Amino acid sequence: MTNQTQGTLYIGVTGNLAARVHAHRTGTGSDFCREHGLTRLVYTEPYDRIEDAIAREKSLKAWKRSWKLNLIEKANPGWTDLFDVIL
């Protein structure tokens, strides 16, 4: 989640992407997303096992910001809000 191209980033894990994005957009998700106005879904990775998703989340959170931006740029160069595209 982000608020603008190359803006503040939020990385999280959920079992229901549609519900979680809706919660962030309506201010009932994380405090961080609400405080920073993060409403755009610009990157996602699907996993079959929650354990794998959590491991990836921890890994990404340890990455340098530039690596995260590069990952998003490669998958979504226009920083398009993917919510309506994938859900």
Foldseek 3Di string as FASTA:
>chain_A
DAQDQLHDDDFDDDPDVLVQLVCLQVVNHDPVSNVRVGRADQDDDDDPDSVVSVVVSVVVVPDDSVVVSVVSCVVGVPSHRCNVVPD
